[in-house]
Amino acid sequence: MNDRTTTEFNTQCVIACHHYDGKGSVEAITLEAISDVLAVEDGSYVWLALYEPDELVLGKVQEEFNLHDLAVEDARVAHQRPKIESYGDSVFIAVKTAQTVDQRVRFGETHFFVGKRFLVTVRHGSSLSYRTARARFEREPELMAQGTAGGLYVVLDLIVDNFQPLMDEFSAQLTQLERDILSEDFKPNTIRELYTLKQDLTRLRIAAAPIADIISQLTRLRKELITDEIQLYLRDVQDHAIRLNDGIDTLREMLSAAMSTNLSLVTVHQGEVVKRLGAWAALLGVPTLVASWYGMNFKFMPELEGKWSYAVLIGLVALICIVLYRRFRKAQWL
């Protein structure tokens, strides 16, 4: 079965267009054939997968599925907030996606048009392919029997599952940064890396948090699309999304604690440096003070004419410095 449909439109946008008869049979069709297939009331349905479609493709999709203008307008451009909207017999859903690209977290969006006999997925930006979700859907007859709601479930499940590797990666980064924080060698870049990690976690929280609420609204408001059987599957995805949000919140709290600890240790380190500088300044201050006295051009000063004055002065300065050094060492200033 070919995973890319050949049409007169931009074929780079159309990832897959499959017709399911609801009994286990799958057929690849073209965009032009969608309305003809749906015109036959036989309980079959169509799953169309798009990636950053152009105006021509979206216009044809709107025509074939009779989609609402506002829903198509939302799907035309990314940067939609996560949401669910009802348009007559169909539902429009927008969710955020995320993946690692060049060692940085990149975010994208997936838009769904869900009807009784059609499912359209529109991917924008950074998003892993849903080919594996379609493969799972087609090899599990119980999901195919659920129609478009079964396809919606496998894609949402994949989206939520794709957040987990990012969580594991963030957790590993935080563990390494904690080692750097507690090490004896101060690393100036640590606070910058902590801030970048917290920024990524915040964006991940914004992306993942609405999914559980969207699923809750979907199962509550669209009983004609979401059967009791598929609700069990969607609740499982909702549970995963809630646990994901809890995990993100936990990591953010740990990250905030790590940032506070890092700043505290930096302050302590600076205090130690200041103590050492103060101790060395005191040690150097003794000979500097004595030398400044005897460097004055006065004719009558005590001990200038004595034979052992120079040696006594050196010994006295050395003794004072030794006493101060031992006291500073005992106080752990040196």
Protein backbone atom coordinates (compact mmCIF):
# COMPACT_ATOMS: atom_id res chain seq x y z
CA MET A 1 0.00 0.00 0.00
CA ASN A 2 1.54 3.29 -1.13
CA ASP A 3 1.82 5.87 1.64
CA ARG A 4 1.85 8.87 -0.73
CA THR A 5 -1.06 9.74 -2.97
CA THR A 6 -0.43 11.00 -6.49
CA THR A 7 -2.80 13.80 -7.56
CA GLU A 8 -2.70 16.91 -9.69
CA PHE A 9 -2.12 18.90 -6.49
CA ASN A 10 1.08 19.37 -4.53
CA THR A 11 1.83 15.75 -3.68
CA GLN A 12 4.37 16.82 -1.06
CA CYS A 13 1.44 18.00 1.10
CA VAL A 14 -0.63 14.83 0.80
CA ILE A 15 1.01 12.16 2.92
CA ALA A 16 -1.76 9.55 2.76
CA CYS A 17 -5.39 9.25 1.71
CA HIS A 18 -6.99 5.92 2.65
CA HIS A 19 -10.51 4.57 2.41
CA TYR A 20 -11.62 2.09 5.11
CA ASP A 21 -14.71 -0.04 4.66
CA GLY A 22 -15.00 -0.66 8.42
CA LYS A 23 -14.48 -4.40 7.96
CA GLY A 24 -10.69 -4.50 7.72
CA SER A 25 -10.22 -3.50 4.08
CA VAL A 26 -8.03 -0.49 3.25
CA GLU A 27 -7.69 1.27 -0.10
CA ALA A 28 -5.54 4.21 -1.16
CA ILE A 29 -7.57 6.82 -3.03
CA THR A 30 -7.03 10.27 -4.55
CA LEU A 31 -8.36 13.58 -3.30
CA GLU A 32 -10.80 13.76 -6.21
CA ALA A 33 -12.33 10.40 -5.27
CA ILE A 34 -13.15 11.31 -1.65
CA SER A 35 -16.61 12.80 -2.29
CA ASP A 36 -17.56 9.88 -4.54
CA VAL A 37 -16.56 7.39 -1.85
CA LEU A 38 -18.44 9.26 0.90
CA ALA A 39 -21.53 9.57 -1.28
CA VAL A 40 -22.15 5.86 -0.79
CA GLU A 41 -23.80 5.25 2.58
CA ASP A 42 -22.05 2.01 3.44
CA GLY A 43 -20.49 2.85 6.81
CA SER A 44 -17.02 3.38 5.33
CA TYR A 45 -14.79 6.34 6.12
CA VAL A 46 -11.69 8.20 4.87
CA TRP A 47 -8.48 9.16 6.64
CA LEU A 48 -6.53 11.96 4.94
CA ALA A 49 -3.08 12.95 6.25
CA LEU A 50 -1.56 16.31 5.21
CA TYR A 51 1.68 18.11 6.03
CA GLU A 52 1.72 21.91 5.72
CA PRO A 53 -0.81 21.94 2.85
CA ASP A 54 -1.02 24.86 0.44
CA GLU A 55 -4.11 26.87 -0.47
CA LEU A 56 -5.00 24.64 -3.42
CA VAL A 57 -4.94 21.43 -1.41
CA LEU A 58 -6.91 22.92 1.50
CA GLY A 59 -9.49 24.30 -0.88
CA LYS A 60 -9.95 20.87 -2.44
CA VAL A 61 -10.15 19.25 1.02
CA GLN A 62 -12.80 21.74 2.09
CA GLU A 63 -14.80 20.96 -1.04
CA GLU A 64 -14.54 17.19 -0.67
CA PHE A 65 -15.46 17.08 3.03
CA ASN A 66 -17.72 20.15 3.12
CA LEU A 67 -15.72 21.74 5.94
CA HIS A 68 -16.54 25.05 7.60
CA ASP A 69 -14.66 28.12 6.37
CA LEU A 70 -13.49 29.12 9.86
CA ALA A 71 -12.09 25.66 10.58
CA VAL A 72 -10.20 25.60 7.28
CA GLU A 73 -8.87 29.09 7.97
CA ASP A 74 -7.49 27.88 11.33
CA ALA A 75 -5.82 24.88 9.68
CA ARG A 76 -4.24 27.02 6.96
CA VAL A 77 -1.67 28.58 9.28
CA ALA A 78 -0.02 27.26 12.45
CA HIS A 79 0.26 29.19 15.74
CA GLN A 80 -3.22 28.18 16.87
CA ARG A 81 -3.90 27.78 20.55
CA PRO A 82 -4.81 24.22 21.60
CA LYS A 83 -8.59 23.98 21.36
CA ILE A 84 -11.65 22.02 20.26
CA GLU A 85 -14.44 23.59 18.21
CA SER A 86 -17.69 22.10 16.91
CA TYR A 87 -18.85 22.92 13.39
CA GLY A 88 -22.12 21.17 12.71
CA ASP A 89 -21.52 17.44 12.32
CA SER A 90 -17.73 17.76 12.53
CA VAL A 91 -15.16 18.78 15.12
CA PHE A 92 -11.96 20.82 14.72
CA ILE A 93 -9.15 20.08 17.18
CA ALA A 94 -5.76 21.79 17.48
CA VAL A 95 -2.97 20.36 19.64
CA LYS A 96 0.73 21.12 20.06
CA THR A 97 3.49 18.64 19.20
CA ALA A 98 7.18 18.56 20.07
CA GLN A 99 10.37 16.79 19.05
CA THR A 100 14.14 17.23 19.35
CA VAL A 101 15.81 18.79 16.30
CA ASP A 102 19.56 19.56 16.34
CA GLN A 103 19.67 19.03 20.12
CA ARG A 104 16.94 21.64 20.69
CA VAL A 105 13.25 21.15 21.36
CA ARG A 106 11.12 22.30 18.44
CA PHE A 107 7.36 22.67 18.62
CA GLY A 108 4.73 22.13 15.98
CA GLU A 109 0.98 21.67 15.68
CA THR A 110 -1.49 19.07 14.49
CA HIS A 111 -5.00 19.99 13.44
CA PHE A 112 -7.82 17.45 13.19
CA PHE A 113 -11.07 17.53 11.27
CA VAL A 114 -13.21 14.73 12.66
CA GLY A 115 -16.56 13.65 11.28
CA LYS A 116 -18.56 10.46 11.37
CA ARG A 117 -17.03 9.34 8.08
CA PHE A 118 -13.80 11.27 7.79
CA LEU A 119 -10.63 12.08 9.70
CA VAL A 120 -8.23 14.72 8.39
CA THR A 121 -4.89 15.30 10.14
CA VAL A 122 -2.91 18.43 9.24
CA ARG A 123 0.64 18.67 10.59
CA HIS A 124 2.60 21.94 10.86
CA GLY A 125 6.18 22.49 11.96
CA SER A 126 8.13 19.97 14.02
CA SER A 127 6.10 16.81 14.26
CA LEU A 128 6.98 13.17 13.87
CA SER A 129 5.23 11.22 11.13
CA TYR A 130 1.97 9.50 12.01
CA ARG A 131 2.75 6.56 9.77
CA THR A 132 3.27 4.35 12.83
CA ALA A 133 -0.13 5.42 14.20
CA ARG A 134 -1.82 4.48 10.93
CA ALA A 135 0.02 1.15 10.88
CA ARG A 136 -1.19 0.40 14.41
CA PHE A 137 -4.73 1.41 13.46
CA GLU A 138 -4.75 -0.87 10.42
CA ARG A 139 -3.42 -3.92 12.23
CA GLU A 140 -5.93 -3.71 15.10
CA PRO A 141 -9.43 -4.58 13.84
CA GLU A 142 -11.08 -3.43 17.07
CA LEU A 143 -9.77 0.10 16.45
CA MET A 144 -10.76 0.11 12.79
CA ALA A 145 -14.26 -0.93 13.84
CA GLN A 146 -14.49 2.28 15.90
CA GLY A 147 -14.21 4.35 12.74
CA THR A 148 -12.68 7.83 12.70
CA ALA A 149 -12.68 8.01 16.52
CA GLY A 150 -10.27 5.06 16.53
CA GLY A 151 -7.93 6.93 14.19
CA LEU A 152 -8.17 10.05 16.33
CA TYR A 153 -7.27 7.97 19.39
CA VAL A 154 -4.10 6.41 17.90
CA VAL A 155 -2.80 9.82 16.77
CA LEU A 156 -3.49 11.51 20.12
CA ASP A 157 -1.90 8.55 21.88
CA LEU A 158 1.21 8.90 19.72
CA ILE A 159 1.40 12.66 20.31
CA VAL A 160 1.28 12.22 24.09
CA ASP A 161 3.76 9.32 23.99
CA ASN A 162 6.18 11.45 21.94
CA PHE A 163 6.41 13.89 24.85
CA GLN A 164 7.89 11.21 27.13
CA PRO A 165 11.35 10.99 25.46
CA LEU A 166 11.63 14.76 25.86
CA MET A 167 10.80 14.39 29.55
CA ASP A 168 13.49 11.71 29.91
CA GLU A 169 15.97 13.95 28.13
CA PHE A 170 15.12 16.92 30.34
CA SER A 171 15.43 14.74 33.44
CA ALA A 172 18.90 13.56 32.32
CA GLN A 173 19.98 17.16 31.67
CA LEU A 174 18.77 18.23 35.10
CA THR A 175 20.68 15.35 36.74
CA GLN A 176 23.89 16.41 34.97
CA LEU A 177 23.36 20.06 35.90
CA GLU A 178 22.83 19.07 39.54
CA ARG A 179 26.21 17.31 39.45
CA ASP A 180 27.77 20.48 38.00
CA ILE A 181 26.13 22.60 40.69
CA LEU A 182 27.43 20.43 43.52
CA SER A 183 30.92 19.98 42.07
CA GLU A 184 33.85 21.94 43.46
CA ASP A 185 34.59 23.54 40.10
CA PHE A 186 32.31 26.53 39.52
CA LYS A 187 30.93 26.65 35.96
CA PRO A 188 29.58 30.06 34.89
CA ASN A 189 27.41 28.52 32.13
CA THR A 190 25.42 26.41 34.58
CA ILE A 191 22.85 29.10 35.39
CA ARG A 192 22.41 29.82 31.68
CA GLU A 193 21.78 26.13 30.96
CA LEU A 194 19.36 25.95 33.89
CA TYR A 195 17.41 28.91 32.54
CA THR A 196 17.28 27.43 29.03
CA LEU A 197 16.04 24.11 30.42
CA LYS A 198 13.34 25.85 32.45
CA GLN A 199 12.27 27.79 29.37
CA ASP A 200 11.93 24.55 27.38
CA LEU A 201 10.00 22.90 30.21
CA THR A 202 7.60 25.84 30.39
CA ARG A 203 6.95 25.64 26.66
CA LEU A 204 6.46 21.88 26.95
CA ARG A 205 3.95 22.46 29.76
CA ILE A 206 2.03 24.91 27.59
CA ALA A 207 1.99 22.37 24.76
CA ALA A 208 0.98 19.31 26.78
CA ALA A 209 -1.37 20.73 29.43
CA PRO A 210 -4.46 21.38 27.23
CA ILE A 211 -4.58 17.85 25.76
CA ALA A 212 -6.28 16.32 28.81
CA ASP A 213 -8.93 19.05 28.80
CA ILE A 214 -9.52 18.66 25.05
CA ILE A 215 -10.10 14.92 25.46
CA SER A 216 -12.47 15.60 28.37
CA GLN A 217 -14.52 18.02 26.25
CA LEU A 218 -14.49 15.63 23.31
CA THR A 219 -15.85 12.67 25.26
CA ARG A 220 -18.43 14.83 27.02
CA LEU A 221 -19.80 16.85 24.13
CA ARG A 222 -19.60 14.60 21.06
CA LYS A 223 -21.39 11.39 21.98
CA GLU A 224 -22.30 10.71 18.35
CA LEU A 225 -18.60 10.56 17.40
CA ILE A 226 -17.13 9.05 20.57
CA THR A 227 -18.70 5.73 21.48
CA ASP A 228 -18.53 4.20 24.95
CA GLU A 229 -15.91 1.74 23.69
CA ILE A 230 -13.54 4.36 22.34
CA GLN A 231 -14.02 6.50 25.46
CA LEU A 232 -12.06 3.87 27.37
CA TYR A 233 -9.12 4.35 25.01
CA LEU A 234 -9.34 8.14 25.14
CA ARG A 235 -9.45 8.10 28.94
CA ASP A 236 -6.19 6.17 28.87
CA VAL A 237 -4.63 8.93 26.73
CA GLN A 238 -6.09 11.50 29.10
CA ASP A 239 -4.53 9.70 32.06
CA HIS A 240 -1.15 9.68 30.29
CA ALA A 241 -1.50 13.41 29.58
CA ILE A 242 -2.31 14.16 33.22
CA ARG A 243 0.69 12.14 34.42
CA LEU A 244 2.83 13.92 31.84
CA ASN A 245 1.71 17.30 33.19
CA ASP A 246 2.44 16.17 36.75
CA GLY A 247 5.90 15.02 35.67
CA ILE A 248 6.59 18.36 33.98
CA ASP A 249 5.48 20.25 37.09
CA THR A 250 7.74 18.09 39.26
CA LEU A 251 10.72 18.74 36.98
CA ARG A 252 10.01 22.47 37.00
CA GLU A 253 9.95 22.50 40.81
CA MET A 254 13.22 20.57 40.94
CA LEU A 255 14.67 22.97 38.38
CA SER A 256 13.63 25.99 40.44
CA ALA A 257 15.25 24.41 43.49
CA ALA A 258 18.41 23.72 41.46
CA MET A 259 18.54 27.35 40.31
CA SER A 260 18.14 28.58 43.89
CA THR A 261 20.82 26.15 45.09
CA ASN A 262 23.16 27.25 42.33
CA LEU A 263 22.74 30.92 43.22
CA SER A 264 23.24 30.14 46.92
CA LEU A 265 26.42 28.20 46.21
CA VAL A 266 27.68 30.99 43.98
CA THR A 267 27.10 33.45 46.82
CA VAL A 268 28.92 31.16 49.25
CA HIS A 269 31.78 30.75 46.79
CA GLN A 270 32.05 34.50 46.37
CA GLY A 271 32.08 34.88 50.16
CA GLU A 272 34.97 32.40 50.39
CA VAL A 273 36.88 34.34 47.76
CA VAL A 274 36.29 37.61 49.63
CA LYS A 275 37.52 36.01 52.89
CA ARG A 276 40.71 34.80 51.23
CA LEU A 277 41.32 38.17 49.65
CA GLY A 278 40.75 39.85 53.02
CA ALA A 279 43.16 37.48 54.76
CA TRP A 280 45.91 38.03 52.19
CA ALA A 281 45.29 41.78 52.31
CA ALA A 282 45.79 41.70 56.10
CA LEU A 283 49.01 39.70 55.74
CA LEU A 284 50.36 42.11 53.16
CA GLY A 285 49.16 45.09 55.17
CA VAL A 286 51.61 44.48 58.05
CA PRO A 287 54.89 44.81 56.09
CA THR A 288 53.34 47.55 53.96
CA LEU A 289 52.48 49.58 57.07
CA VAL A 290 55.93 49.15 58.64
CA ALA A 291 57.72 49.90 55.39
CA SER A 292 55.65 53.02 54.85
CA TRP A 293 56.64 54.31 58.28
CA TYR A 294 60.36 53.80 57.79
CA GLY A 295 60.19 55.03 54.24
CA MET A 296 59.45 58.55 55.45
CA ASN A 297 62.24 61.08 55.12
CA PHE A 298 62.46 62.07 58.77
CA LYS A 299 65.87 62.63 60.28
CA PHE A 300 65.08 61.56 63.81
CA MET A 301 63.33 58.15 63.94
CA PRO A 302 63.82 55.47 66.63
CA GLU A 303 66.09 52.54 65.94
CA LEU A 304 67.60 53.99 62.76
CA GLU A 305 71.08 54.06 64.26
CA GLY A 306 70.90 50.65 65.95
CA LYS A 307 73.17 47.86 64.65
CA TRP A 308 70.46 45.16 64.74
CA SER A 309 67.48 47.39 64.05
CA TYR A 310 66.97 46.11 60.48
CA ALA A 311 67.09 42.45 61.51
CA VAL A 312 64.81 43.04 64.50
CA LEU A 313 62.31 44.85 62.29
CA ILE A 314 62.28 42.04 59.73
CA GLY A 315 61.86 39.43 62.46
CA LEU A 316 59.01 41.36 64.07
CA VAL A 317 57.17 41.74 60.76
CA ALA A 318 57.68 38.04 59.99
CA LEU A 319 56.42 37.05 63.44
CA ILE A 320 53.29 39.14 63.11
CA CYS A 321 52.63 37.69 59.64
CA ILE A 322 53.12 34.13 60.91
CA VAL A 323 50.71 34.70 63.81
CA LEU A 324 48.09 36.20 61.47
CA TYR A 325 48.54 33.39 58.95
CA ARG A 326 48.01 30.72 61.60
CA ARG A 327 44.91 32.49 62.89
CA PHE A 328 43.46 32.81 59.38
CA ARG A 329 44.19 29.13 58.70
CA LYS A 330 42.48 28.14 61.93
CA ALA A 331 39.45 30.25 60.97
CA GLN A 332 39.56 28.63 57.50
CA TRP A 333 40.04 31.93 55.76
CA LEU A 334 43.11 30.51 54.00
